[in-house]
Amino acid sequence: MFQIPEPLHPAIVHFPIVLLLIGAGGAVVSLFTERWCVRKWAAIALLLGALGAVVATWSGNNAKETVGVLAESAETLLDHHEELAETTRNIAIVAAILGLVAAFANLRGMLLRIARVTTAVVSLVCMYYVVQTAHMGGQLVYKHGVGLSSS
């Protein structure tokens, strides 16, 4: 029988990380080739990554309520992680919308080029935020033990 993991956040957060990184890579590759429908695959990866980021942010906010009392340094890091996660989610949504426009709107010439370049740039910014947010999440777990059960 399928059972929802508890806590949910660490079980799902890796999916949007991977999808957003793949989407950003695809958006950059699509600047140089029309082969393999790279633009469409990148847009789909960005969309799924953005949706996953929404769920990961929601589950992270729920998980924050269960961590209990933390040391001041861990609490500060957790707050910063939360802010970065929300920024990452918002940038991912913008990147997904841009990717969908670049891949599926009936654009030609200079408008298409602008949409593709803008998607790639915003996706790379998103990739930076993904890495920073994930790094802080790792520090919370491995340096401060946040979310680890004592059993």
Foldseek 3Di string as FASTA:
>chain_A
DDDQDVLNQVVQVVQLLVLLVQLLVLLVVVLPDPPPLSLVSSLVSLVVSLVSLVVNLVSLVVLVVVQPDFDPVLVVLSVVLSVLSVVLSVLSVVLNVLSCCLRPPPDDDPVNSVSSVVSNVSSVVSNVSSVVSVVSVCCSCPVRVGPPDPD
